[in-house]
C-alpha atoms as a PDB file:
ATOM      1  CA  MET A   1      11.517  61.095  28.793  1.00  0.00           C
ATOM      2  CA  LYS A   2      13.967  58.195  28.868  1.00  0.00           C
ATOM      3  CA  HIS A   3      12.990  55.071  26.932  1.00  0.00           C
ATOM      4  CA  HIS A   4      14.235  51.557  27.642  1.00  0.00           C
ATOM      5  CA  LEU A   5      13.776  48.346  25.711  1.00  0.00           C
ATOM      6  CA  TYR A   6      11.963  46.425  28.436  1.00  0.00           C
ATOM      7  CA  TYR A   7      10.944  49.120  30.910  1.00  0.00           C
ATOM      8  CA  GLU A   8       7.383  50.303  30.661  1.00  0.00           C
ATOM      9  CA  SER A   9       6.960  54.034  30.097  1.00  0.00           C
ATOM     10  CA  LEU A  10       3.918  55.014  32.171  1.00  0.00           C
ATOM     11  CA  ASP A  11       4.721  58.258  33.983  1.00  0.00           C
ATOM     12  CA  TRP A  12       3.271  59.710  37.184  1.00  0.00           C
ATOM     13  CA  GLY A  13       1.390  62.462  35.338  1.00  0.00           C
ATOM     14  CA  THR A  14      -0.501  60.028  33.104  1.00  0.00           C
ATOM     15  CA  TYR A  15      -1.163  57.781  36.106  1.00  0.00           C
ATOM     16  CA  TRP A  16      -2.747  60.481  38.294  1.00  0.00           C
ATOM     17  CA  LYS A  17      -4.647  61.991  35.369  1.00  0.00           C
ATOM     18  CA  ASN A  18      -6.337  58.633  34.764  1.00  0.00           C
ATOM     19  CA  PHE A  19      -6.591  57.514  38.399  1.00  0.00           C
ATOM     20  CA  PHE A  20     -10.392  57.578  38.585  1.00  0.00           C
ATOM     21  CA  ARG A  21     -11.178  56.595  34.999  1.00  0.00           C
ATOM     22  CA  GLN A  22     -12.933  53.252  34.657  1.00  0.00           C
ATOM     23  CA  ASP A  23     -11.991  52.141  31.149  1.00  0.00           C
ATOM     24  CA  LYS A  24     -10.911  48.591  31.963  1.00  0.00           C
ATOM     25  CA  ASP A  25     -14.034  46.923  30.557  1.00  0.00           C
ATOM     26  CA  ARG A  26     -14.010  49.058  27.417  1.00  0.00           C
ATOM     27  CA  PHE A  27     -10.331  48.259  26.889  1.00  0.00           C
ATOM     28  CA  LEU A  28     -11.045  44.538  27.217  1.00  0.00           C
ATOM     29  CA  CYS A  29     -13.929  44.842  24.730  1.00  0.00           C
ATOM     30  CA  ALA A  30     -11.589  46.566  22.278  1.00  0.00           C
ATOM     31  CA  LEU A  31      -9.073  43.725  22.631  1.00  0.00           C
ATOM     32  CA  ARG A  32     -11.785  41.117  22.111  1.00  0.00           C
ATOM     33  CA  GLU A  33     -13.016  42.883  19.002  1.00  0.00           C
ATOM     34  CA  ASP A  34      -9.483  43.169  17.648  1.00  0.00           C
ATOM     35  CA  PHE A  35      -8.736  39.483  18.308  1.00  0.00           C
ATOM     36  CA  ALA A  36     -12.216  38.462  17.103  1.00  0.00           C
ATOM     37  CA  THR A  37     -12.730  36.280  20.174  1.00  0.00           C
ATOM     38  CA  GLU A  38     -14.465  36.615  23.523  1.00  0.00           C
ATOM     39  CA  ASP A  39     -12.009  34.207  25.131  1.00  0.00           C
ATOM     40  CA  ILE A  40      -9.397  36.736  26.158  1.00  0.00           C
ATOM     41  CA  PHE A  41      -9.108  38.029  29.735  1.00  0.00           C
ATOM     42  CA  LEU A  42      -7.096  40.643  31.607  1.00  0.00           C
ATOM     43  CA  THR A  43      -4.650  39.290  34.199  1.00  0.00           C
ATOM     44  CA  ARG A  44      -2.308  40.801  36.760  1.00  0.00           C
ATOM     45  CA  SER A  45       0.663  40.144  34.452  1.00  0.00           C
ATOM     46  CA  GLY A  46       1.760  38.078  31.484  1.00  0.00           C
ATOM     47  CA  ARG A  47       3.500  35.745  33.916  1.00  0.00           C
ATOM     48  CA  THR A  48       0.188  35.170  35.688  1.00  0.00           C
ATOM     49  CA  GLY A  49      -1.111  33.821  32.380  1.00  0.00           C
ATOM     50  CA  ILE A  50       1.760  31.315  32.257  1.00  0.00           C
ATOM     51  CA  ILE A  51       0.889  29.985  35.712  1.00  0.00           C
ATOM     52  CA  LEU A  52      -2.840  29.788  34.981  1.00  0.00           C
ATOM     53  CA  SER A  53      -2.161  27.977  31.691  1.00  0.00           C
ATOM     54  CA  LEU A  54       0.154  25.369  33.215  1.00  0.00           C
ATOM     55  CA  LYS A  55      -2.332  24.679  36.006  1.00  0.00           C
ATOM     56  CA  ALA A  56      -5.154  24.330  33.473  1.00  0.00           C
ATOM     57  CA  PHE A  57      -3.009  21.877  31.478  1.00  0.00           C
ATOM     58  CA  GLY A  58      -2.804  19.758  34.627  1.00  0.00           C
ATOM     59  CA  LEU A  59       0.984  19.924  34.899  1.00  0.00           C
ATOM     60  CA  THR A  60       2.828  19.212  38.154  1.00  0.00           C
ATOM     61  CA  ARG A  61       6.369  19.560  39.475  1.00  0.00           C
ATOM     62  CA  GLU A  62       7.132  16.182  37.894  1.00  0.00           C
ATOM     63  CA  ASP A  63       6.591  17.685  34.427  1.00  0.00           C
ATOM     64  CA  GLU A  64       8.944  19.809  32.311  1.00  0.00           C
ATOM     65  CA  VAL A  65       8.279  22.845  30.127  1.00  0.00           C
ATOM     66  CA  LEU A  66      10.590  23.539  27.193  1.00  0.00           C
ATOM     67  CA  VAL A  67      11.838  27.143  27.266  1.00  0.00           C
ATOM     68  CA  PRO A  68      14.186  29.015  24.906  1.00  0.00           C
ATOM     69  CA  PRO A  69      17.580  30.412  25.992  1.00  0.00           C
ATOM     70  CA  PHE A  70      18.088  33.995  27.194  1.00  0.00           C
ATOM     71  CA  MET A  71      14.778  34.012  29.076  1.00  0.00           C
ATOM     72  CA  SER A  72      14.288  36.414  31.969  1.00  0.00           C
ATOM     73  CA  THR A  73      14.516  34.801  35.402  1.00  0.00           C
ATOM     74  CA  CYS A  74      11.055  36.145  36.256  1.00  0.00           C
ATOM     75  CA  VAL A  75       9.603  34.082  33.386  1.00  0.00           C
ATOM     76  CA  LEU A  76      11.472  30.986  34.539  1.00  0.00           C
ATOM     77  CA  ASP A  77      10.237  31.592  38.089  1.00  0.00           C
ATOM     78  CA  SER A  78       6.669  31.633  36.780  1.00  0.00           C
ATOM     79  CA  VAL A  79       7.121  28.301  35.001  1.00  0.00           C
ATOM     80  CA  ASN A  80       8.754  26.828  38.097  1.00  0.00           C
ATOM     81  CA  GLN A  81       5.780  27.781  40.240  1.00  0.00           C
ATOM     82  CA  VAL A  82       3.903  24.847  38.651  1.00  0.00           C
ATOM     83  CA  ALA A  83       6.338  22.648  36.714  1.00  0.00           C
ATOM     84  CA  MET A  84      10.060  22.629  35.870  1.00  0.00           C
ATOM     85  CA  SER A  85      11.670  24.659  33.093  1.00  0.00           C
ATOM     86  CA  SER A  86      14.034  22.815  30.760  1.00  0.00           C
ATOM     87  CA  ARG A  87      16.195  23.581  27.736  1.00  0.00           C
ATOM     88  CA  ARG A  88      15.928  20.019  26.359  1.00  0.00           C
ATOM     89  CA  LEU A  89      13.075  17.920  25.055  1.00  0.00           C
ATOM     90  CA  THR A  90      12.810  14.830  27.247  1.00  0.00           C
ATOM     91  CA  ASP A  91      10.212  12.180  28.051  1.00  0.00           C
ATOM     92  CA  ARG A  92       9.038  14.468  30.863  1.00  0.00           C
ATOM     93  CA  THR A  93       8.420  17.459  28.582  1.00  0.00           C
ATOM     94  CA  LYS A  94       4.702  18.180  28.568  1.00  0.00           C
ATOM     95  CA  ALA A  95       4.518  21.802  27.341  1.00  0.00           C
ATOM     96  CA  VAL A  96       6.374  24.430  25.313  1.00  0.00           C
ATOM     97  CA  LEU A  97       6.737  28.138  26.053  1.00  0.00           C
ATOM     98  CA  PHE A  98       6.546  29.299  22.436  1.00  0.00           C
ATOM     99  CA  TYR A  99       8.423  32.590  22.632  1.00  0.00           C
ATOM    100  CA  HIS A 100       7.854  35.313  20.019  1.00  0.00           C
ATOM    101  CA  HIS A 101      11.078  37.236  20.627  1.00  0.00           C
ATOM    102  CA  TRP A 102      10.498  41.016  20.488  1.00  0.00           C
ATOM    103  CA  GLY A 103       7.152  40.435  18.779  1.00  0.00           C
ATOM    104  CA  TYR A 104       8.514  38.444  15.791  1.00  0.00           C
ATOM    105  CA  SER A 105       6.563  35.222  15.574  1.00  0.00           C
ATOM    106  CA  GLN A 106       8.264  31.857  15.745  1.00  0.00           C
ATOM    107  CA  ASN A 107       8.530  29.875  12.517  1.00  0.00           C
ATOM    108  CA  TYR A 108       5.106  28.209  12.673  1.00  0.00           C
ATOM    109  CA  ALA A 109       5.812  25.737   9.855  1.00  0.00           C
ATOM    110  CA  LYS A 110       8.969  24.399  11.537  1.00  0.00           C
ATOM    111  CA  ALA A 111       7.183  24.192  14.885  1.00  0.00           C
ATOM    112  CA  GLN A 112       4.272  22.268  13.393  1.00  0.00           C
ATOM    113  CA  GLU A 113       6.688  19.633  12.055  1.00  0.00           C
ATOM    114  CA  LEU A 114       7.913  18.895  15.585  1.00  0.00           C
ATOM    115  CA  LEU A 115       4.566  19.264  17.333  1.00  0.00           C
ATOM    116  CA  ARG A 116       2.976  16.755  14.956  1.00  0.00           C
ATOM    117  CA  SER A 117       5.322  14.076  16.287  1.00  0.00           C
ATOM    118  CA  ARG A 118       4.746  14.856  19.980  1.00  0.00           C
ATOM    119  CA  LYS A 119       1.671  15.701  21.992  1.00  0.00           C
ATOM    120  CA  LEU A 120       2.672  18.900  23.791  1.00  0.00           C
ATOM    121  CA  TRP A 121       0.748  21.779  25.309  1.00  0.00           C
ATOM    122  CA  VAL A 122       1.713  25.149  23.799  1.00  0.00           C
ATOM    123  CA  ILE A 123       1.703  28.552  25.504  1.00  0.00           C
ATOM    124  CA  GLU A 124       2.382  31.339  23.037  1.00  0.00           C
ATOM    125  CA  ASP A 125       4.522  33.969  24.748  1.00  0.00           C
ATOM    126  CA  CYS A 126       3.411  37.200  23.062  1.00  0.00           C
ATOM    127  CA  ALA A 127       4.850  39.439  25.804  1.00  0.00           C
ATOM    128  CA  HIS A 128       6.635  41.625  23.237  1.00  0.00           C
ATOM    129  CA  GLY A 129       3.873  42.017  20.672  1.00  0.00           C
ATOM    130  CA  VAL A 130       0.155  42.067  20.107  1.00  0.00           C
ATOM    131  CA  TRP A 131      -0.109  42.100  16.330  1.00  0.00           C
ATOM    132  CA  GLY A 132       1.397  40.258  13.378  1.00  0.00           C
ATOM    133  CA  ARG A 133       0.741  37.455  10.894  1.00  0.00           C
ATOM    134  CA  SER A 134       3.260  35.030   9.459  1.00  0.00           C
ATOM    135  CA  GLN A 135       2.717  31.995   7.244  1.00  0.00           C
ATOM    136  CA  GLY A 136      -1.024  32.676   7.405  1.00  0.00           C
ATOM    137  CA  ILE A 137      -1.257  32.487  11.223  1.00  0.00           C
ATOM    138  CA  SER A 138      -2.019  35.415  13.521  1.00  0.00           C
ATOM    139  CA  MET A 139       0.162  35.850  16.590  1.00  0.00           C
ATOM    140  CA  GLY A 140      -1.676  34.474  19.605  1.00  0.00           C
ATOM    141  CA  ALA A 141      -3.897  32.091  17.629  1.00  0.00           C
ATOM    142  CA  PHE A 142      -1.456  29.166  17.413  1.00  0.00           C
ATOM    143  CA  GLY A 143      -1.096  27.872  20.973  1.00  0.00           C
ATOM    144  CA  HIS A 144      -3.588  26.309  23.338  1.00  0.00           C
ATOM    145  CA  THR A 145      -3.238  29.607  25.219  1.00  0.00           C
ATOM    146  CA  ALA A 146      -1.394  32.875  24.571  1.00  0.00           C
ATOM    147  CA  ILE A 147      -0.099  35.408  27.074  1.00  0.00           C
ATOM    148  CA  PHE A 148       0.491  39.143  26.567  1.00  0.00           C
ATOM    149  CA  SER A 149       2.318  41.794  28.617  1.00  0.00           C
ATOM    150  CA  LEU A 150       0.174  44.817  27.796  1.00  0.00           C
ATOM    151  CA  SER A 151       2.162  47.450  29.696  1.00  0.00           C
ATOM    152  CA  LYS A 152       5.084  46.920  27.305  1.00  0.00           C
ATOM    153  CA  ILE A 153       2.867  48.144  24.462  1.00  0.00           C
ATOM    154  CA  PHE A 154       0.406  50.561  26.053  1.00  0.00           C
ATOM    155  CA  GLU A 155       0.880  53.365  28.601  1.00  0.00           C
ATOM    156  CA  MET A 156      -0.845  51.607  31.480  1.00  0.00           C
ATOM    157  CA  THR A 157      -0.205  50.084  34.883  1.00  0.00           C
ATOM    158  CA  TYR A 158       1.241  46.593  35.013  1.00  0.00           C
ATOM    159  CA  ALA A 159      -1.213  44.207  33.374  1.00  0.00           C
ATOM    160  CA  GLY A 160      -1.335  41.200  31.106  1.00  0.00           C
ATOM    161  CA  ALA A 161      -3.844  39.307  29.047  1.00  0.00           C
ATOM    162  CA  LEU A 162      -4.539  35.621  28.543  1.00  0.00           C
ATOM    163  CA  ARG A 163      -6.096  34.285  25.357  1.00  0.00           C
ATOM    164  CA  ILE A 164      -7.623  30.803  25.444  1.00  0.00           C
ATOM    165  CA  ASN A 165      -7.777  28.970  22.120  1.00  0.00           C
ATOM    166  CA  ASP A 166      -8.608  25.509  23.507  1.00  0.00           C
ATOM    167  CA  VAL A 167     -12.195  25.764  24.789  1.00  0.00           C
ATOM    168  CA  ALA A 168     -11.667  22.699  26.997  1.00  0.00           C
ATOM    169  CA  LEU A 169      -9.466  24.927  29.212  1.00  0.00           C
ATOM    170  CA  LEU A 170     -11.950  27.780  29.421  1.00  0.00           C
ATOM    171  CA  SER A 171     -13.951  26.828  32.521  1.00  0.00           C
ATOM    172  CA  ARG A 172     -10.844  26.046  34.617  1.00  0.00           C
ATOM    173  CA  ILE A 173      -9.185  29.366  33.818  1.00  0.00           C
ATOM    174  CA  GLU A 174     -12.386  31.397  34.145  1.00  0.00           C
ATOM    175  CA  GLU A 175     -12.913  29.917  37.601  1.00  0.00           C
ATOM    176  CA  ALA A 176      -9.446  31.022  38.700  1.00  0.00           C
ATOM    177  CA  LEU A 177     -10.018  34.527  37.340  1.00  0.00           C
ATOM    178  CA  SER A 178     -13.492  34.921  38.830  1.00  0.00           C
ATOM    179  CA  ALA A 179     -12.368  34.681  42.460  1.00  0.00           C
ATOM    180  CA  LYS A 180     -13.742  37.510  44.559  1.00  0.00           C
ATOM    181  CA  VAL A 181     -11.315  40.364  45.097  1.00  0.00           C
ATOM    182  CA  SER A 182     -10.868  41.048  48.809  1.00  0.00           C
ATOM    183  CA  LEU A 183      -9.964  44.352  50.418  1.00  0.00           C
ATOM    184  CA  LYS A 184      -6.480  42.947  50.997  1.00  0.00           C
ATOM    185  CA  ASP A 185      -6.149  42.117  47.295  1.00  0.00           C
ATOM    186  CA  ALA A 186      -7.263  45.634  46.354  1.00  0.00           C
ATOM    187  CA  CYS A 187      -4.740  47.199  48.753  1.00  0.00           C
ATOM    188  CA  GLU A 188      -1.978  44.942  47.418  1.00  0.00           C
ATOM    189  CA  SER A 189      -2.918  45.967  43.883  1.00  0.00           C
ATOM    190  CA  LEU A 190      -2.682  49.679  44.694  1.00  0.00           C
ATOM    191  CA  SER A 191       0.589  49.134  46.546  1.00  0.00           C
ATOM    192  CA  GLY A 192       1.888  47.274  43.506  1.00  0.00           C
ATOM    193  CA  GLU A 193       0.974  50.141  41.190  1.00  0.00           C
ATOM    194  CA  LEU A 194       2.892  52.613  43.341  1.00  0.00           C
ATOM    195  CA  THR A 195       5.900  50.280  43.602  1.00  0.00           C
ATOM    196  CA  TYR A 196       5.838  49.743  39.835  1.00  0.00           C
ATOM    197  CA  LEU A 197       5.742  53.460  39.042  1.00  0.00           C
ATOM    198  CA  SER A 198       8.393  54.315  41.605  1.00  0.00           C
ATOM    199  CA  PHE A 199      10.743  51.657  40.259  1.00  0.00           C
ATOM    200  CA  TYR A 200      10.391  52.394  36.550  1.00  0.00           C
ATOM    201  CA  ASN A 201      10.504  56.171  37.014  1.00  0.00           C
ATOM    202  CA  THR A 202      13.720  56.003  39.066  1.00  0.00           C
ATOM    203  CA  PRO A 203      17.160  56.455  37.426  1.00  0.00           C
ATOM    204  CA  LEU A 204      18.909  53.187  36.601  1.00  0.00           C
ATOM    205  CA  ALA A 205      21.717  53.784  39.097  1.00  0.00           C
ATOM    206  CA  ARG A 206      19.299  54.022  42.026  1.00  0.00           C
ATOM    207  CA  ARG A 207      17.401  50.887  41.054  1.00  0.00           C
ATOM    208  CA  LYS A 208      20.329  48.850  42.332  1.00  0.00           C
ATOM    209  CA  GLU A 209      19.725  50.057  45.866  1.00  0.00           C
ATOM    210  CA  THR A 210      18.652  47.233  48.174  1.00  0.00           C
ATOM    211  CA  ASP A 211      15.389  48.774  49.367  1.00  0.00           C
ATOM    212  CA  MET A 212      14.120  49.273  45.821  1.00  0.00           C
ATOM    213  CA  LEU A 213      15.041  45.740  44.765  1.00  0.00           C
ATOM    214  CA  VAL A 214      13.306  44.287  47.813  1.00  0.00           C
ATOM    215  CA  GLY A 215      10.203  46.338  47.027  1.00  0.00           C
ATOM    216  CA  ILE A 216      10.006  45.278  43.390  1.00  0.00           C
ATOM    217  CA  SER A 217      10.698  41.614  44.270  1.00  0.00           C
ATOM    218  CA  LYS A 218       7.896  41.598  46.838  1.00  0.00           C
ATOM    219  CA  TRP A 219       5.551  43.169  44.324  1.00  0.00           C
ATOM    220  CA  TYR A 220       6.390  40.562  41.649  1.00  0.00           C
ATOM    221  CA  ALA A 221       5.654  37.808  44.169  1.00  0.00           C
ATOM    222  CA  THR A 222       2.310  39.433  44.965  1.00  0.00           C
ATOM    223  CA  LEU A 223       1.375  39.482  41.278  1.00  0.00           C
ATOM    224  CA  LEU A 224       1.800  35.734  41.093  1.00  0.00           C
ATOM    225  CA  MET A 225      -0.233  35.129  44.252  1.00  0.00           C
ATOM    226  CA  TYR A 226      -3.256  37.195  43.186  1.00  0.00           C
ATOM    227  CA  PRO A 227      -4.101  36.452  39.524  1.00  0.00           C
ATOM    228  CA  CYS A 228      -7.330  38.511  39.464  1.00  0.00           C
ATOM    229  CA  LEU A 229      -6.939  41.986  38.048  1.00  0.00           C
ATOM    230  CA  THR A 230      -8.417  44.725  40.239  1.00  0.00           C
ATOM    231  CA  THR A 231      -7.664  47.955  38.387  1.00  0.00           C
ATOM    232  CA  VAL A 232      -5.872  49.228  35.312  1.00  0.00           C
ATOM    233  CA  ARG A 233      -4.930  52.874  35.016  1.00  0.00           C
ATOM    234  CA  GLY A 234      -3.302  54.859  32.251  1.00  0.00           C
ATOM    235  CA  ARG A 235      -3.956  55.798  28.646  1.00  0.00           C
ATOM    236  CA  LEU A 236      -6.278  52.910  27.753  1.00  0.00           C
ATOM    237  CA  ALA A 237      -7.741  52.379  24.313  1.00  0.00           C
ATOM    238  CA  ARG A 238     -11.532  52.375  24.589  1.00  0.00           C
ATOM    239  CA  HIS A 239     -12.311  50.950  21.153  1.00  0.00           C
ATOM    240  CA  LYS A 240     -10.616  49.114  18.309  1.00  0.00           C
ATOM    241  CA  ALA A 241      -9.740  52.286  16.410  1.00  0.00           C
ATOM    242  CA  GLU A 242      -7.678  53.559  19.355  1.00  0.00           C
ATOM    243  CA  LEU A 243      -5.854  50.236  19.568  1.00  0.00           C
ATOM    244  CA  HIS A 244      -4.959  50.630  15.929  1.00  0.00           C
ATOM    245  CA  GLU A 245      -3.501  54.078  16.483  1.00  0.00           C
ATOM    246  CA  VAL A 246      -0.836  52.331  18.568  1.00  0.00           C
ATOM    247  CA  PHE A 247      -0.514  49.570  15.973  1.00  0.00           C
ATOM    248  CA  GLY A 248      -0.304  52.098  13.124  1.00  0.00           C
ATOM    249  CA  ASN A 249       2.548  54.044  14.685  1.00  0.00           C
ATOM    250  CA  GLN A 250       4.601  50.959  15.579  1.00  0.00           C
ATOM    251  CA  ASN A 251       3.988  49.397  12.167  1.00  0.00           C
ATOM    252  CA  LYS A 252       5.023  52.637  10.433  1.00  0.00           C
ATOM    253  CA  HIS A 253       8.273  52.782  12.397  1.00  0.00           C
ATOM    254  CA  PHE A 254       8.940  49.111  11.649  1.00  0.00           C
ATOM    255  CA  LEU A 255       8.317  49.468   7.914  1.00  0.00           C
ATOM    256  CA  SER A 256      10.460  52.591   7.590  1.00  0.00           C
ATOM    257  CA  LEU A 257      13.486  50.783   9.072  1.00  0.00           C
ATOM    258  CA  LEU A 258      12.782  47.552   7.197  1.00  0.00           C
ATOM    259  CA  LYS A 259      12.630  49.381   3.852  1.00  0.00           C
ATOM    260  CA  ASN A 260      16.112  50.813   4.411  1.00  0.00           C
ATOM    261  CA  ALA A 261      17.749  47.826   6.106  1.00  0.00           C
ATOM    262  CA  ARG A 262      20.453  45.881   4.272  1.00  0.00           C
ATOM    263  CA  ASN A 263      20.397  43.008   6.768  1.00  0.00           C
ATOM    264  CA  ARG A 264      16.888  41.516   6.802  1.00  0.00           C
ATOM    265  CA  SER A 265      17.998  38.026   7.792  1.00  0.00           C
ATOM    266  CA  PHE A 266      15.574  38.034  10.732  1.00  0.00           C
ATOM    267  CA  MET A 267      12.553  38.115   8.388  1.00  0.00           C
ATOM    268  CA  LEU A 268      10.861  34.877   7.301  1.00  0.00           C
ATOM    269  CA  PRO A 269       9.167  33.930   4.028  1.00  0.00           C
ATOM    270  CA  GLY A 270       5.478  34.310   4.749  1.00  0.00           C
ATOM    271  CA  ASP A 271       5.804  37.312   7.081  1.00  0.00           C
ATOM    272  CA  GLU A 272       2.967  39.729   6.389  1.00  0.00           C
ATOM    273  CA  GLU A 273       4.819  43.009   6.906  1.00  0.00           C
ATOM    274  CA  ALA A 274       1.716  45.205   6.832  1.00  0.00           C
ATOM    275  CA  THR A 275       0.362  43.388   9.919  1.00  0.00           C
ATOM    276  CA  MET A 276       3.531  43.476  12.044  1.00  0.00           C
ATOM    277  CA  ALA A 277       4.133  45.843  14.970  1.00  0.00           C
ATOM    278  CA  PRO A 278       7.027  44.329  16.957  1.00  0.00           C
ATOM    279  CA  LEU A 279       8.537  45.826  20.102  1.00  0.00           C
ATOM    280  CA  CYS A 280      11.807  46.719  18.364  1.00  0.00           C
ATOM    281  CA  PHE A 281      13.895  46.392  15.215  1.00  0.00           C
ATOM    282  CA  PRO A 282      17.100  44.288  15.504  1.00  0.00           C
ATOM    283  CA  ILE A 283      20.154  45.968  13.931  1.00  0.00           C
ATOM    284  CA  LEU A 284      22.288  42.908  13.180  1.00  0.00           C
ATOM    285  CA  SER A 285      26.039  42.994  12.603  1.00  0.00           C
ATOM    286  CA  ASP A 286      29.185  40.948  13.216  1.00  0.00           C
ATOM    287  CA  ASP A 287      31.026  44.253  13.775  1.00  0.00           C
ATOM    288  CA  GLU A 288      30.753  44.972  17.505  1.00  0.00           C
ATOM    289  CA  GLY A 289      32.246  48.425  16.962  1.00  0.00           C
ATOM    290  CA  PHE A 290      29.355  49.283  14.656  1.00  0.00           C
ATOM    291  CA  LEU A 291      26.855  47.936  17.179  1.00  0.00           C
ATOM    292  CA  ASN A 292      28.436  50.106  19.871  1.00  0.00           C
ATOM    293  CA  SER A 293      28.094  53.159  17.626  1.00  0.00           C
ATOM    294  CA  VAL A 294      24.378  52.408  17.154  1.00  0.00           C
ATOM    295  CA  ASP A 295      23.974  51.957  20.904  1.00  0.00           C
ATOM    296  CA  GLN A 296      25.716  55.290  21.596  1.00  0.00           C
ATOM    297  CA  TRP A 297      23.584  57.061  18.965  1.00  0.00           C
ATOM    298  CA  LEU A 298      20.471  55.857  20.767  1.00  0.00           C
ATOM    299  CA  LYS A 299      21.815  56.785  24.229  1.00  0.00           C
ATOM    300  CA  GLN A 300      22.418  60.345  23.034  1.00  0.00           C
ATOM    301  CA  ARG A 301      18.689  60.493  22.345  1.00  0.00           C
ATOM    302  CA  ASN A 302      17.646  59.079  25.734  1.00  0.00           C
ATOM    303  CA  ILE A 303      16.994  55.578  24.382  1.00  0.00           C
ATOM    304  CA  PHE A 304      18.775  52.880  26.383  1.00  0.00           C
ATOM    305  CA  THR A 305      19.056  49.378  24.934  1.00  0.00           C
ATOM    306  CA  GLY A 306      22.433  47.617  24.554  1.00  0.00           C
ATOM    307  CA  ILE A 307      23.838  44.655  22.633  1.00  0.00           C
ATOM    308  CA  TYR A 308      21.619  41.558  22.698  1.00  0.00           C
ATOM    309  CA  HIS A 309      21.199  38.294  20.778  1.00  0.00           C
ATOM    310  CA  PHE A 310      18.409  37.562  18.321  1.00  0.00           C
ATOM    311  CA  ASP A 311      17.489  34.188  16.818  1.00  0.00           C
ATOM    312  CA  VAL A 312      17.500  34.855  13.064  1.00  0.00           C
ATOM    313  CA  ASN A 313      16.001  31.384  12.470  1.00  0.00           C
ATOM    314  CA  ARG A 314      13.067  32.374  14.716  1.00  0.00           C
ATOM    315  CA  CYS A 315      12.870  28.719  15.693  1.00  0.00           C
ATOM    316  CA  MET A 316      13.445  27.835  19.334  1.00  0.00           C
ATOM    317  CA  PHE A 317      13.904  24.171  18.318  1.00  0.00           C
ATOM    318  CA  ASN A 318      16.850  25.080  16.052  1.00  0.00           C
ATOM    319  CA  PRO A 319      18.002  28.615  16.945  1.00  0.00           C
ATOM    320  CA  ASP A 320      20.794  30.691  15.403  1.00  0.00           C
ATOM    321  CA  TYR A 321      21.561  33.654  17.647  1.00  0.00           C
ATOM    322  CA  LYS A 322      23.291  36.742  16.235  1.00  0.00           C
ATOM    323  CA  LYS A 323      24.418  39.909  18.002  1.00  0.00           C
ATOM    324  CA  CYS A 324      22.302  42.996  17.491  1.00  0.00           C
ATOM    325  CA  VAL A 325      21.174  46.321  18.923  1.00  0.00           C
ATOM    326  CA  PRO A 326      17.383  46.456  19.203  1.00  0.00           C
ATOM    327  CA  VAL A 327      15.876  49.828  18.252  1.00  0.00           C
ATOM    328  CA  PRO A 328      12.579  50.360  20.144  1.00  0.00           C
ATOM    329  CA  LEU A 329       9.519  50.933  17.959  1.00  0.00           C
ATOM    330  CA  TYR A 330       7.243  52.462  20.615  1.00  0.00           C
ATOM    331  CA  ALA A 331       4.270  54.358  19.262  1.00  0.00           C
ATOM    332  CA  SER A 332       5.233  57.321  21.465  1.00  0.00           C
ATOM    333  CA  LEU A 333       8.568  57.867  19.669  1.00  0.00           C
ATOM    334  CA  SER A 334       8.549  60.430  16.868  1.00  0.00           C
ATOM    335  CA  ASP A 335       8.777  59.711  13.155  1.00  0.00           C
ATOM    336  CA  GLY A 336      11.728  62.126  13.034  1.00  0.00           C
ATOM    337  CA  LEU A 337      13.831  59.819  15.193  1.00  0.00           C
ATOM    338  CA  TYR A 338      13.660  57.048  12.604  1.00  0.00           C
ATOM    339  CA  GLU A 339      14.264  59.464   9.738  1.00  0.00           C
ATOM    340  CA  ASP A 340      17.423  60.662  11.509  1.00  0.00           C
ATOM    341  CA  PHE A 341      18.537  57.067  12.160  1.00  0.00           C
ATOM    342  CA  ILE A 342      18.111  56.106   8.498  1.00  0.00           C
ATOM    343  CA  ARG A 343      20.013  59.227   7.400  1.00  0.00           C
ATOM    344  CA  ASP A 344      22.903  58.748   9.845  1.00  0.00           C
ATOM    345  CA  PHE A 345      23.318  55.020   9.180  1.00  0.00           C
ATOM    346  CA  LYS A 346      22.289  54.977   5.518  1.00  0.00           C
ATOM    347  CA  GLY A 347      23.658  51.858   3.828  1.00  0.00           C
ATOM    348  CA  GLY A 348      25.130  50.622   7.082  1.00  0.00           C
ATOM    349  CA  PHE A 349      22.449  48.565   8.828  1.00  0.00           C
END
């Protein structure tokens, strides 16, 4: 199977095998137990959670939301459904999209310094991670709300989660999520699942074809229109222990690379390594030739990433972006892959 940094890995076989299983409620209970809160809900996507949060905050098109650089256009589109995205703090800034890049939490202490001086709503963007503690704060517990993109972590159809930490927002968001699902909504949901699977199980070259792009764009728009989740299919954890099998594998892969890495500049004082299970591990270097060799090594093993930028400050208010190749840490990848990587690049990453 091919693996990509941002492309979810649910395959047709797993989808059909789990088509009639009804584990959605058990999966949600497992999440609530793991987060130790009842105030977390499944949504059609992580982006749906952004829209619901901004509406619950009472923002309008006259208001601005501070976003970090290098954000996906689909995230910006979600913000712009309600308010206006901005790269600068202005008098019109009313909220912050607090982005935990690749599942590495923002520098909470630095953020608290700024947030103390301004009254801003905070959405934690946990799209790339579910677990992790830094500076004594658990990911997802800092903002007024927190959004998750679950299909990036688990083998499941497209779905997100929204955690509500400010109880004053609870009734407004619950009302939006409790709308009755119509037959049309259910049909759109099933159509979306099939579009999703077709797109992400199609070779990269064919994804550029017009008909596929139109299909995926229409489906994304549908997700934003219908926030209520109808179904979730795939390999769903049914209790906390199964969630932690995924966590355990990703954490093990993370720790094995971290132990052997020479460049750990992306780590912060106060990171609790034993709790962290990020989406990937950034191999940082100023030598683009070395980064290309890492990228080619991964491609030879059916892992497709590329050269990206990572904020080593982990502070969207004062970022310092460095070039890197992100190595995926998916639970489904074998321990042997990371052992081979450490052997082949020993002393070099």
